[in-house]
Amino acid sequence: MPKSTKILSIIVLILAIYAGFALFKGDKTDTLAVEDAQFAIADSGTVTKIILKTNQNPELEFTKPFENWLINNSIQADDEKMFNLIQFVYKARVKRPVYKEKIEMSVNQLKSKGLKVNYMGEKGVLKSFWLGYFGGVEDELVAMMDGFQTPYIVQLPGFSGSLAQLFKPEIEAWKTRLIFSSKISYIENLKVSFNYYPKNSFEIEKMGNKHSVQDLPKADSMRLYSYLQLFEQVAIKEWIANFAKKDSLLNQNPAFEINLTDRNPKKSNNIMIYFDDKQKGNIYGLVGEKQDLCIIKPTIFEYLLQKRSFFEGKK
């Protein structure tokens, strides 16, 4: 073999050994990085329970015994919020590590003020990590796997809005915003009261298979049907925890009241509606037996608060 060929063979062999070592070292580093930065799971369908807890708020437990997710086994959760919560553990991606000079501060903030999230399956914990948003520390959502000390900035591809808003520890952020969800055939009684203008109030009753407006025998059947259809899906804007505001409203007379009786008692509900003079544009409501405080969507309730004369039809 010529001398030049031997030299070339030796060079190729050295390069091959170096490349193999580099690959081995790279694989080892990647494995370590994935271990403390793998916030997503392969199959979101394996999630059967989710637990959110902080040092400042009561623990929230989400389970799905049947069709809907429940909060603490009693309150129906908001479908859209739960979808995003499940999507996070399926699609969450690391954007970058927290800047080196902010790591210690981020870890301390997560442990003291952050949100601990546990995604559970039938065999136990699937994923467990800390989440937090701390202005001045990092301006994006910070996440850290439980058992590690390396925080990352995470993102959810396709999600529009603030991820910090997705992970709120208060129960008001998770309750379903639907307050009425009755099929027409299940509505037994519906009473709408205009407390300042009683002549506009009305009551709809179901007699047999037919609905009718009390004391209005010739009500427009098409208008009556279209009106009842609105109650298949009525949602408020948001729930709020403001005890001072709630007490203030309870000392006032509501402008309107809507009481719906469903064949299924769990679907029956009522709302008292108030206008707020101090904050123009906000319409408040107190919902159900517990009189939960909410802000109302004006556009939705414009349709619900029809006057009695609406059902008289054209004259």
C-alpha atoms as a PDB file:
ATOM      1  CA  MET A   1       0.000   0.000   0.000  1.00  0.00           C
ATOM      2  CA  PRO A   2       1.462   3.396  -0.957  1.00  0.00           C
ATOM      3  CA  LYS A   3       2.542   5.650   1.904  1.00  0.00           C
ATOM      4  CA  SER A   4       0.039   8.378   0.928  1.00  0.00           C
ATOM      5  CA  THR A   5      -2.822   5.866   1.036  1.00  0.00           C
ATOM      6  CA  LYS A   6      -1.826   4.725   4.546  1.00  0.00           C
ATOM      7  CA  ILE A   7      -1.746   8.315   5.790  1.00  0.00           C
ATOM      8  CA  LEU A   8      -5.198   8.986   4.274  1.00  0.00           C
ATOM      9  CA  SER A   9      -6.590   5.812   5.906  1.00  0.00           C
ATOM     10  CA  ILE A  10      -5.253   6.864   9.319  1.00  0.00           C
ATOM     11  CA  ILE A  11      -6.794  10.338   8.943  1.00  0.00           C
ATOM     12  CA  VAL A  12     -10.182   8.846   7.998  1.00  0.00           C
ATOM     13  CA  LEU A  13     -10.024   6.473  10.987  1.00  0.00           C
ATOM     14  CA  ILE A  14      -9.222   9.330  13.407  1.00  0.00           C
ATOM     15  CA  LEU A  15     -12.084  11.425  12.030  1.00  0.00           C
ATOM     16  CA  ALA A  16     -14.497   8.490  12.357  1.00  0.00           C
ATOM     17  CA  ILE A  17     -13.494   7.932  16.000  1.00  0.00           C
ATOM     18  CA  TYR A  18     -13.869  11.654  16.753  1.00  0.00           C
ATOM     19  CA  ALA A  19     -17.293  11.796  15.071  1.00  0.00           C
ATOM     20  CA  GLY A  20     -18.479   8.745  17.024  1.00  0.00           C
ATOM     21  CA  PHE A  21     -17.334  10.265  20.305  1.00  0.00           C
ATOM     22  CA  ALA A  22     -19.055  13.544  19.471  1.00  0.00           C
ATOM     23  CA  LEU A  23     -22.314  11.769  18.684  1.00  0.00           C
ATOM     24  CA  PHE A  24     -22.154   9.779  21.903  1.00  0.00           C
ATOM     25  CA  LYS A  25     -21.508  12.913  23.926  1.00  0.00           C
ATOM     26  CA  GLY A  26     -24.288  14.769  22.121  1.00  0.00           C
ATOM     27  CA  ASP A  27     -26.809  12.004  22.783  1.00  0.00           C
ATOM     28  CA  LYS A  28     -25.916  12.020  26.461  1.00  0.00           C
ATOM     29  CA  THR A  29     -26.422  15.793  26.710  1.00  0.00           C
ATOM     30  CA  ASP A  30     -29.735  15.672  24.855  1.00  0.00           C
ATOM     31  CA  THR A  31     -31.012  12.930  27.149  1.00  0.00           C
ATOM     32  CA  LEU A  32     -30.265  15.022  30.212  1.00  0.00           C
ATOM     33  CA  ALA A  33     -31.960  18.060  28.664  1.00  0.00           C
ATOM     34  CA  VAL A  34     -35.096  16.118  27.757  1.00  0.00           C
ATOM     35  CA  GLU A  35     -35.385  14.619  31.234  1.00  0.00           C
ATOM     36  CA  ASP A  36     -35.945  17.966  32.976  1.00  0.00           C
ATOM     37  CA  ALA A  37     -37.723  19.728  30.117  1.00  0.00           C
ATOM     38  CA  GLN A  38     -40.288  17.181  28.932  1.00  0.00           C
ATOM     39  CA  PHE A  39     -43.558  18.821  29.963  1.00  0.00           C
ATOM     40  CA  ALA A  40     -45.786  17.074  27.399  1.00  0.00           C
ATOM     41  CA  ILE A  41     -47.081  13.496  27.389  1.00  0.00           C
ATOM     42  CA  ALA A  42     -47.590  11.274  24.354  1.00  0.00           C
ATOM     43  CA  ASP A  43     -51.299  10.564  24.832  1.00  0.00           C
ATOM     44  CA  SER A  44     -53.549  13.161  26.490  1.00  0.00           C
ATOM     45  CA  GLY A  45     -56.329  10.554  26.599  1.00  0.00           C
ATOM     46  CA  THR A  46     -54.568   8.846  29.507  1.00  0.00           C
ATOM     47  CA  VAL A  47     -55.253  11.842  31.795  1.00  0.00           C
ATOM     48  CA  THR A  48     -58.026  10.990  34.280  1.00  0.00           C
ATOM     49  CA  LYS A  49     -57.434  13.619  36.952  1.00  0.00           C
ATOM     50  CA  ILE A  50     -55.751  17.030  37.205  1.00  0.00           C
ATOM     51  CA  ILE A  51     -54.811  18.722  40.464  1.00  0.00           C
ATOM     52  CA  LEU A  52     -53.918  22.414  40.797  1.00  0.00           C
ATOM     53  CA  LYS A  53     -52.590  23.771  44.073  1.00  0.00           C
ATOM     54  CA  THR A  54     -50.781  26.795  45.450  1.00  0.00           C
ATOM     55  CA  ASN A  55     -49.711  27.941  48.889  1.00  0.00           C
ATOM     56  CA  GLN A  56     -52.369  30.673  48.802  1.00  0.00           C
ATOM     57  CA  ASN A  57     -55.477  28.915  47.405  1.00  0.00           C
ATOM     58  CA  PRO A  58     -57.489  25.764  48.146  1.00  0.00           C
ATOM     59  CA  GLU A  59     -56.597  22.747  46.013  1.00  0.00           C
ATOM     60  CA  LEU A  60     -58.641  22.250  42.845  1.00  0.00           C
ATOM     61  CA  GLU A  61     -59.232  18.684  41.657  1.00  0.00           C
ATOM     62  CA  PHE A  62     -60.609  18.002  38.179  1.00  0.00           C
ATOM     63  CA  THR A  63     -62.132  14.628  37.364  1.00  0.00           C
ATOM     64  CA  LYS A  64     -64.289  13.343  34.529  1.00  0.00           C
ATOM     65  CA  PRO A  65     -66.651  10.654  35.869  1.00  0.00           C
ATOM     66  CA  PHE A  66     -68.998  10.956  32.902  1.00  0.00           C
ATOM     67  CA  GLU A  67     -69.371  13.375  29.991  1.00  0.00           C
ATOM     68  CA  ASN A  68     -68.190  16.586  31.694  1.00  0.00           C
ATOM     69  CA  TRP A  69     -65.175  17.512  33.800  1.00  0.00           C
ATOM     70  CA  LEU A  70     -66.061  18.338  37.405  1.00  0.00           C
ATOM     71  CA  ILE A  71     -64.306  20.579  39.924  1.00  0.00           C
ATOM     72  CA  ASN A  72     -63.952  18.905  43.326  1.00  0.00           C
ATOM     73  CA  ASN A  73     -66.593  16.336  42.280  1.00  0.00           C
ATOM     74  CA  SER A  74     -69.409  18.888  42.384  1.00  0.00           C
ATOM     75  CA  ILE A  75     -69.113  21.866  40.008  1.00  0.00           C
ATOM     76  CA  GLN A  76     -69.120  21.536  36.231  1.00  0.00           C
ATOM     77  CA  ALA A  77     -65.924  22.883  34.678  1.00  0.00           C
ATOM     78  CA  ASP A  78     -65.755  25.116  31.616  1.00  0.00           C
ATOM     79  CA  ASP A  79     -65.323  22.980  28.473  1.00  0.00           C
ATOM     80  CA  GLU A  80     -63.038  25.449  26.680  1.00  0.00           C
ATOM     81  CA  LYS A  81     -60.757  25.909  29.681  1.00  0.00           C
ATOM     82  CA  MET A  82     -60.461  22.161  30.194  1.00  0.00           C
ATOM     83  CA  PHE A  83     -59.685  21.621  26.513  1.00  0.00           C
ATOM     84  CA  ASN A  84     -56.781  24.075  26.759  1.00  0.00           C
ATOM     85  CA  LEU A  85     -55.600  22.487  29.998  1.00  0.00           C
ATOM     86  CA  ILE A  86     -55.448  19.070  28.331  1.00  0.00           C
ATOM     87  CA  GLN A  87     -53.867  20.537  25.200  1.00  0.00           C
ATOM     88  CA  PHE A  88     -51.080  22.007  27.309  1.00  0.00           C
ATOM     89  CA  VAL A  89     -49.873  18.653  28.604  1.00  0.00           C
ATOM     90  CA  TYR A  90     -50.121  17.243  25.073  1.00  0.00           C
ATOM     91  CA  LYS A  91     -48.523  20.068  23.066  1.00  0.00           C
ATOM     92  CA  ALA A  92     -46.427  22.115  25.510  1.00  0.00           C
ATOM     93  CA  ARG A  93     -43.010  23.007  24.129  1.00  0.00           C
ATOM     94  CA  VAL A  94     -39.915  24.545  25.696  1.00  0.00           C
ATOM     95  CA  LYS A  95     -39.067  27.899  24.171  1.00  0.00           C
ATOM     96  CA  ARG A  96     -35.788  28.463  26.028  1.00  0.00           C
ATOM     97  CA  PRO A  97     -34.227  28.074  29.473  1.00  0.00           C
ATOM     98  CA  VAL A  98     -34.644  30.906  31.970  1.00  0.00           C
ATOM     99  CA  TYR A  99     -31.721  33.315  31.758  1.00  0.00           C
ATOM    100  CA  LYS A 100     -28.892  32.184  34.001  1.00  0.00           C
ATOM    101  CA  GLU A 101     -28.938  35.253  36.231  1.00  0.00           C
ATOM    102  CA  LYS A 102     -32.675  34.738  36.907  1.00  0.00           C
ATOM    103  CA  ILE A 103     -32.691  30.993  37.631  1.00  0.00           C
ATOM    104  CA  GLU A 104     -32.409  31.220  41.426  1.00  0.00           C
ATOM    105  CA  MET A 105     -35.091  33.896  41.648  1.00  0.00           C
ATOM    106  CA  SER A 106     -37.411  31.924  39.347  1.00  0.00           C
ATOM    107  CA  VAL A 107     -37.014  28.717  41.365  1.00  0.00           C
ATOM    108  CA  ASN A 108     -37.798  30.566  44.615  1.00  0.00           C
ATOM    109  CA  GLN A 109     -40.838  32.266  43.086  1.00  0.00           C
ATOM    110  CA  LEU A 110     -42.175  29.008  41.682  1.00  0.00           C
ATOM    111  CA  LYS A 111     -41.879  27.219  45.020  1.00  0.00           C
ATOM    112  CA  SER A 112     -43.435  30.069  47.041  1.00  0.00           C
ATOM    113  CA  LYS A 113     -45.986  31.670  44.696  1.00  0.00           C
ATOM    114  CA  GLY A 114     -46.250  29.285  41.768  1.00  0.00           C
ATOM    115  CA  LEU A 115     -48.887  26.748  40.809  1.00  0.00           C
ATOM    116  CA  LYS A 116     -48.212  23.022  41.263  1.00  0.00           C
ATOM    117  CA  VAL A 117     -49.859  20.996  38.475  1.00  0.00           C
ATOM    118  CA  ASN A 118     -50.295  17.221  38.672  1.00  0.00           C
ATOM    119  CA  TYR A 119     -51.630  15.314  35.659  1.00  0.00           C
ATOM    120  CA  MET A 120     -52.804  11.913  36.877  1.00  0.00           C
ATOM    121  CA  GLY A 121     -53.576   8.646  35.121  1.00  0.00           C
ATOM    122  CA  GLU A 122     -55.032   5.372  36.302  1.00  0.00           C
ATOM    123  CA  LYS A 123     -51.615   4.255  37.576  1.00  0.00           C
ATOM    124  CA  GLY A 124     -50.616   7.510  39.272  1.00  0.00           C
ATOM    125  CA  VAL A 125     -48.806  10.730  38.343  1.00  0.00           C
ATOM    126  CA  LEU A 126     -48.118  11.216  34.624  1.00  0.00           C
ATOM    127  CA  LYS A 127     -46.541  14.668  34.859  1.00  0.00           C
ATOM    128  CA  SER A 128     -45.877  16.999  37.763  1.00  0.00           C
ATOM    129  CA  PHE A 129     -44.457  20.505  37.423  1.00  0.00           C
ATOM    130  CA  TRP A 130     -44.522  24.063  38.745  1.00  0.00           C
ATOM    131  CA  LEU A 131     -45.853  26.995  36.729  1.00  0.00           C
ATOM    132  CA  GLY A 132     -45.717  30.724  37.270  1.00  0.00           C
ATOM    133  CA  TYR A 133     -45.732  34.167  35.713  1.00  0.00           C
ATOM    134  CA  PHE A 134     -43.607  36.720  37.507  1.00  0.00           C
ATOM    135  CA  GLY A 135     -43.354  40.195  36.015  1.00  0.00           C
ATOM    136  CA  GLY A 136     -39.817  41.520  36.374  1.00  0.00           C
ATOM    137  CA  VAL A 137     -38.405  38.003  36.636  1.00  0.00           C
ATOM    138  CA  GLU A 138     -39.653  36.646  33.314  1.00  0.00           C
ATOM    139  CA  ASP A 139     -42.402  38.117  31.163  1.00  0.00           C
ATOM    140  CA  GLU A 140     -43.585  34.707  29.946  1.00  0.00           C
ATOM    141  CA  LEU A 141     -44.855  31.504  31.543  1.00  0.00           C
ATOM    142  CA  VAL A 142     -42.130  29.771  33.566  1.00  0.00           C
ATOM    143  CA  ALA A 143     -42.275  26.010  34.153  1.00  0.00           C
ATOM    144  CA  MET A 144     -40.119  23.611  36.130  1.00  0.00           C
ATOM    145  CA  MET A 145     -40.430  19.849  36.440  1.00  0.00           C
ATOM    146  CA  ASP A 146     -41.038  18.630  39.980  1.00  0.00           C
ATOM    147  CA  GLY A 147     -37.806  17.298  41.448  1.00  0.00           C
ATOM    148  CA  PHE A 148     -35.562  19.521  39.320  1.00  0.00           C
ATOM    149  CA  GLN A 149     -34.094  23.001  39.711  1.00  0.00           C
ATOM    150  CA  THR A 150     -34.070  24.047  36.047  1.00  0.00           C
ATOM    151  CA  PRO A 151     -36.865  26.448  35.019  1.00  0.00           C
ATOM    152  CA  TYR A 152     -37.835  26.982  31.391  1.00  0.00           C
ATOM    153  CA  ILE A 153     -39.982  29.352  29.367  1.00  0.00           C
ATOM    154  CA  VAL A 154     -42.767  27.261  27.816  1.00  0.00           C
ATOM    155  CA  GLN A 155     -45.309  27.841  25.082  1.00  0.00           C
ATOM    156  CA  LEU A 156     -48.390  26.144  23.664  1.00  0.00           C
ATOM    157  CA  PRO A 157     -48.401  26.111  19.835  1.00  0.00           C
ATOM    158  CA  GLY A 158     -51.703  27.327  18.408  1.00  0.00           C
ATOM    159  CA  PHE A 159     -52.868  28.923  21.661  1.00  0.00           C
ATOM    160  CA  SER A 160     -53.803  32.590  21.383  1.00  0.00           C
ATOM    161  CA  GLY A 161     -53.733  34.665  24.534  1.00  0.00           C
ATOM    162  CA  SER A 162     -51.779  34.648  27.753  1.00  0.00           C
ATOM    163  CA  LEU A 163     -50.787  31.236  29.092  1.00  0.00           C
ATOM    164  CA  ALA A 164     -50.611  32.838  32.519  1.00  0.00           C
ATOM    165  CA  GLN A 165     -54.381  33.368  32.255  1.00  0.00           C
ATOM    166  CA  LEU A 166     -54.864  29.683  31.463  1.00  0.00           C
ATOM    167  CA  PHE A 167     -53.501  28.532  34.818  1.00  0.00           C
ATOM    168  CA  LYS A 168     -55.434  30.513  37.407  1.00  0.00           C
ATOM    169  CA  PRO A 169     -55.773  28.888  40.840  1.00  0.00           C
ATOM    170  CA  GLU A 170     -59.168  30.432  41.691  1.00  0.00           C
ATOM    171  CA  ILE A 171     -62.275  28.281  41.235  1.00  0.00           C
ATOM    172  CA  GLU A 172     -64.091  31.172  39.497  1.00  0.00           C
ATOM    173  CA  ALA A 173     -61.688  30.841  36.562  1.00  0.00           C
ATOM    174  CA  TRP A 174     -62.691  27.218  35.936  1.00  0.00           C
ATOM    175  CA  LYS A 175     -66.452  27.050  36.496  1.00  0.00           C
ATOM    176  CA  THR A 176     -68.592  26.558  33.410  1.00  0.00           C
ATOM    177  CA  ARG A 177     -69.935  29.865  32.145  1.00  0.00           C
ATOM    178  CA  LEU A 178     -73.141  28.203  31.002  1.00  0.00           C
ATOM    179  CA  ILE A 179     -75.992  29.132  33.328  1.00  0.00           C
ATOM    180  CA  PHE A 180     -78.863  27.850  31.162  1.00  0.00           C
ATOM    181  CA  SER A 181     -78.612  24.765  28.944  1.00  0.00           C
ATOM    182  CA  SER A 182     -82.175  23.450  28.651  1.00  0.00           C
ATOM    183  CA  LYS A 183     -83.765  21.753  25.684  1.00  0.00           C
ATOM    184  CA  ILE A 184     -87.122  23.252  24.798  1.00  0.00           C
ATOM    185  CA  SER A 185     -89.003  20.047  25.543  1.00  0.00           C
ATOM    186  CA  TYR A 186     -87.504  20.011  29.071  1.00  0.00           C
ATOM    187  CA  ILE A 187     -88.508  23.567  30.033  1.00  0.00           C
ATOM    188  CA  GLU A 188     -91.421  23.306  32.462  1.00  0.00           C
ATOM    189  CA  ASN A 189     -91.649  26.948  33.473  1.00  0.00           C
ATOM    190  CA  LEU A 190     -89.876  30.202  32.605  1.00  0.00           C
ATOM    191  CA  LYS A 191     -90.527  33.458  34.401  1.00  0.00           C
ATOM    192  CA  VAL A 192     -88.991  36.781  33.335  1.00  0.00           C
ATOM    193  CA  SER A 193     -89.560  39.724  35.682  1.00  0.00           C
ATOM    194  CA  PHE A 194     -89.070  43.398  34.840  1.00  0.00           C
ATOM    195  CA  ASN A 195     -89.050  44.689  38.405  1.00  0.00           C
ATOM    196  CA  TYR A 196     -89.199  48.371  37.474  1.00  0.00           C
ATOM    197  CA  TYR A 197     -91.772  47.847  34.702  1.00  0.00           C
ATOM    198  CA  PRO A 198     -93.997  44.947  35.861  1.00  0.00           C
ATOM    199  CA  LYS A 199     -96.309  45.191  32.837  1.00  0.00           C
ATOM    200  CA  ASN A 200     -93.437  43.897  30.671  1.00  0.00           C
ATOM    201  CA  SER A 201     -93.019  40.752  32.795  1.00  0.00           C
ATOM    202  CA  PHE A 202     -94.283  37.370  31.588  1.00  0.00           C
ATOM    203  CA  GLU A 203     -94.394  33.685  32.464  1.00  0.00           C
ATOM    204  CA  ILE A 204     -94.239  30.712  30.117  1.00  0.00           C
ATOM    205  CA  GLU A 205     -95.641  27.354  31.174  1.00  0.00           C
ATOM    206  CA  LYS A 206     -95.634  23.930  29.601  1.00  0.00           C
ATOM    207  CA  MET A 207     -98.999  22.209  29.476  1.00  0.00           C
ATOM    208  CA  GLY A 208     -98.710  18.731  28.012  1.00  0.00           C
ATOM    209  CA  ASN A 209     -96.424  19.064  25.003  1.00  0.00           C
ATOM    210  CA  LYS A 210     -97.161  22.729  24.400  1.00  0.00           C
ATOM    211  CA  HIS A 211     -95.770  25.948  25.842  1.00  0.00           C
ATOM    212  CA  SER A 212     -97.908  29.012  26.335  1.00  0.00           C
ATOM    213  CA  VAL A 213     -97.571  32.535  27.710  1.00  0.00           C
ATOM    214  CA  GLN A 214     -99.775  33.063  30.740  1.00  0.00           C
ATOM    215  CA  ASP A 215    -102.808  35.304  30.058  1.00  0.00           C
ATOM    216  CA  LEU A 216    -101.860  35.556  26.399  1.00  0.00           C
ATOM    217  CA  PRO A 217    -103.835  32.835  24.610  1.00  0.00           C
ATOM    218  CA  LYS A 218    -102.981  34.082  21.123  1.00  0.00           C
ATOM    219  CA  ALA A 219     -99.224  34.316  21.503  1.00  0.00           C
ATOM    220  CA  ASP A 220     -97.158  34.058  18.324  1.00  0.00           C
ATOM    221  CA  SER A 221     -96.041  30.398  18.344  1.00  0.00           C
ATOM    222  CA  MET A 222     -92.985  30.985  16.145  1.00  0.00           C
ATOM    223  CA  ARG A 223     -91.711  33.790  18.379  1.00  0.00           C
ATOM    224  CA  LEU A 224     -92.354  31.698  21.463  1.00  0.00           C
ATOM    225  CA  TYR A 225     -90.430  28.747  20.019  1.00  0.00           C
ATOM    226  CA  SER A 226     -87.471  30.894  18.884  1.00  0.00           C
ATOM    227  CA  TYR A 227     -87.328  32.566  22.296  1.00  0.00           C
ATOM    228  CA  LEU A 228     -87.276  29.290  24.233  1.00  0.00           C
ATOM    229  CA  GLN A 229     -84.595  28.006  21.893  1.00  0.00           C
ATOM    230  CA  LEU A 230     -82.223  30.701  23.223  1.00  0.00           C
ATOM    231  CA  PHE A 231     -82.088  28.897  26.562  1.00  0.00           C
ATOM    232  CA  GLU A 232     -80.348  25.875  25.084  1.00  0.00           C
ATOM    233  CA  GLN A 233     -77.066  27.749  25.608  1.00  0.00           C
ATOM    234  CA  VAL A 234     -76.787  30.905  27.697  1.00  0.00           C
ATOM    235  CA  ALA A 235     -73.362  31.850  29.069  1.00  0.00           C
ATOM    236  CA  ILE A 236     -72.174  34.691  31.269  1.00  0.00           C
ATOM    237  CA  LYS A 237     -68.971  36.604  30.493  1.00  0.00           C
ATOM    238  CA  GLU A 238     -67.026  35.642  33.624  1.00  0.00           C
ATOM    239  CA  TRP A 239     -67.333  34.695  37.286  1.00  0.00           C
ATOM    240  CA  ILE A 240     -65.786  37.068  39.798  1.00  0.00           C
ATOM    241  CA  ALA A 241     -64.904  36.799  43.484  1.00  0.00           C
ATOM    242  CA  ASN A 242     -65.777  40.195  44.949  1.00  0.00           C
ATOM    243  CA  PHE A 243     -67.617  39.891  48.253  1.00  0.00           C
ATOM    244  CA  ALA A 244     -67.991  43.654  48.694  1.00  0.00           C
ATOM    245  CA  LYS A 245     -69.682  43.967  45.309  1.00  0.00           C
ATOM    246  CA  LYS A 246     -71.931  40.985  46.034  1.00  0.00           C
ATOM    247  CA  ASP A 247     -73.042  42.454  49.375  1.00  0.00           C
ATOM    248  CA  SER A 248     -73.700  45.777  47.694  1.00  0.00           C
ATOM    249  CA  LEU A 249     -75.925  44.169  45.058  1.00  0.00           C
ATOM    250  CA  LEU A 250     -77.832  42.132  47.633  1.00  0.00           C
ATOM    251  CA  ASN A 251     -78.858  45.402  49.260  1.00  0.00           C
ATOM    252  CA  GLN A 252     -80.387  46.564  45.960  1.00  0.00           C
ATOM    253  CA  ASN A 253     -83.417  45.456  44.001  1.00  0.00           C
ATOM    254  CA  PRO A 254     -82.451  43.635  40.783  1.00  0.00           C
ATOM    255  CA  ALA A 255     -83.604  45.271  37.564  1.00  0.00           C
ATOM    256  CA  PHE A 256     -84.555  41.896  36.067  1.00  0.00           C
ATOM    257  CA  GLU A 257     -84.935  38.283  37.150  1.00  0.00           C
ATOM    258  CA  ILE A 258     -85.014  35.107  35.078  1.00  0.00           C
ATOM    259  CA  ASN A 259     -86.171  31.851  36.686  1.00  0.00           C
ATOM    260  CA  LEU A 260     -86.118  28.630  34.662  1.00  0.00           C
ATOM    261  CA  THR A 261     -87.497  25.291  35.832  1.00  0.00           C
ATOM    262  CA  ASP A 262     -86.206  22.286  33.906  1.00  0.00           C
ATOM    263  CA  ARG A 263     -87.556  18.732  34.037  1.00  0.00           C
ATOM    264  CA  ASN A 264     -84.060  17.842  35.195  1.00  0.00           C
ATOM    265  CA  PRO A 265     -83.621  19.671  38.544  1.00  0.00           C
ATOM    266  CA  LYS A 266     -79.882  20.023  37.933  1.00  0.00           C
ATOM    267  CA  LYS A 267     -80.636  22.179  34.892  1.00  0.00           C
ATOM    268  CA  SER A 268     -83.019  24.520  36.715  1.00  0.00           C
ATOM    269  CA  ASN A 269     -81.465  27.890  37.480  1.00  0.00           C
ATOM    270  CA  ASN A 270     -82.110  31.555  38.048  1.00  0.00           C
ATOM    271  CA  ILE A 271     -80.311  34.870  37.709  1.00  0.00           C
ATOM    272  CA  MET A 272     -80.881  38.324  39.183  1.00  0.00           C
ATOM    273  CA  ILE A 273     -79.581  41.116  36.952  1.00  0.00           C
ATOM    274  CA  TYR A 274     -78.227  44.483  38.096  1.00  0.00           C
ATOM    275  CA  PHE A 275     -76.946  47.591  36.324  1.00  0.00           C
ATOM    276  CA  ASP A 276     -73.876  49.194  37.884  1.00  0.00           C
ATOM    277  CA  ASP A 277     -74.053  52.982  37.879  1.00  0.00           C
ATOM    278  CA  LYS A 278     -70.455  53.501  38.984  1.00  0.00           C
ATOM    279  CA  GLN A 279     -68.848  51.376  36.292  1.00  0.00           C
ATOM    280  CA  LYS A 280     -70.568  52.096  33.007  1.00  0.00           C
ATOM    281  CA  GLY A 281     -70.859  49.127  30.694  1.00  0.00           C
ATOM    282  CA  ASN A 282     -70.827  46.359  33.296  1.00  0.00           C
ATOM    283  CA  ILE A 283     -73.986  44.371  33.946  1.00  0.00           C
ATOM    284  CA  TYR A 284     -73.790  42.102  36.993  1.00  0.00           C
ATOM    285  CA  GLY A 285     -75.682  38.970  37.869  1.00  0.00           C
ATOM    286  CA  LEU A 286     -76.230  36.792  40.932  1.00  0.00           C
ATOM    287  CA  VAL A 287     -76.773  33.206  39.868  1.00  0.00           C
ATOM    288  CA  GLY A 288     -78.421  30.217  41.559  1.00  0.00           C
ATOM    289  CA  GLU A 289     -79.061  29.397  45.184  1.00  0.00           C
ATOM    290  CA  LYS A 290     -75.538  30.440  46.188  1.00  0.00           C
ATOM    291  CA  GLN A 291     -75.985  33.751  44.345  1.00  0.00           C
ATOM    292  CA  ASP A 292     -72.612  33.515  42.609  1.00  0.00           C
ATOM    293  CA  LEU A 293     -71.432  36.863  41.251  1.00  0.00           C
ATOM    294  CA  CYS A 294     -70.775  37.265  37.538  1.00  0.00           C
ATOM    295  CA  ILE A 295     -70.433  39.802  34.743  1.00  0.00           C
ATOM    296  CA  ILE A 296     -72.998  39.423  31.968  1.00  0.00           C
ATOM    297  CA  LYS A 297     -72.613  39.639  28.206  1.00  0.00           C
ATOM    298  CA  PRO A 298     -74.914  42.541  27.221  1.00  0.00           C
ATOM    299  CA  THR A 299     -75.524  41.215  23.691  1.00  0.00           C
ATOM    300  CA  ILE A 300     -76.846  37.863  24.942  1.00  0.00           C
ATOM    301  CA  PHE A 301     -79.220  39.263  27.502  1.00  0.00           C
ATOM    302  CA  GLU A 302     -80.656  41.805  25.084  1.00  0.00           C
ATOM    303  CA  TYR A 303     -82.348  38.841  23.403  1.00  0.00           C
ATOM    304  CA  LEU A 304     -83.398  37.159  26.646  1.00  0.00           C
ATOM    305  CA  LEU A 305     -85.004  40.262  28.121  1.00  0.00           C
ATOM    306  CA  GLN A 306     -87.843  40.520  25.664  1.00  0.00           C
ATOM    307  CA  LYS A 307     -90.985  42.322  26.782  1.00  0.00           C
ATOM    308  CA  ARG A 308     -94.314  40.587  27.086  1.00  0.00           C
ATOM    309  CA  SER A 309     -95.523  42.434  23.977  1.00  0.00           C
ATOM    310  CA  PHE A 310     -92.908  40.578  21.902  1.00  0.00           C
ATOM    311  CA  PHE A 311     -95.050  37.447  21.969  1.00  0.00           C
ATOM    312  CA  GLU A 312     -98.159  39.235  20.732  1.00  0.00           C
ATOM    313  CA  GLY A 313     -96.717  39.242  17.230  1.00  0.00           C
ATOM    314  CA  LYS A 314     -97.821  41.634  14.497  1.00  0.00           C
ATOM    315  CA  LYS A 315    -101.157  43.315  14.903  1.00  0.00           C
END
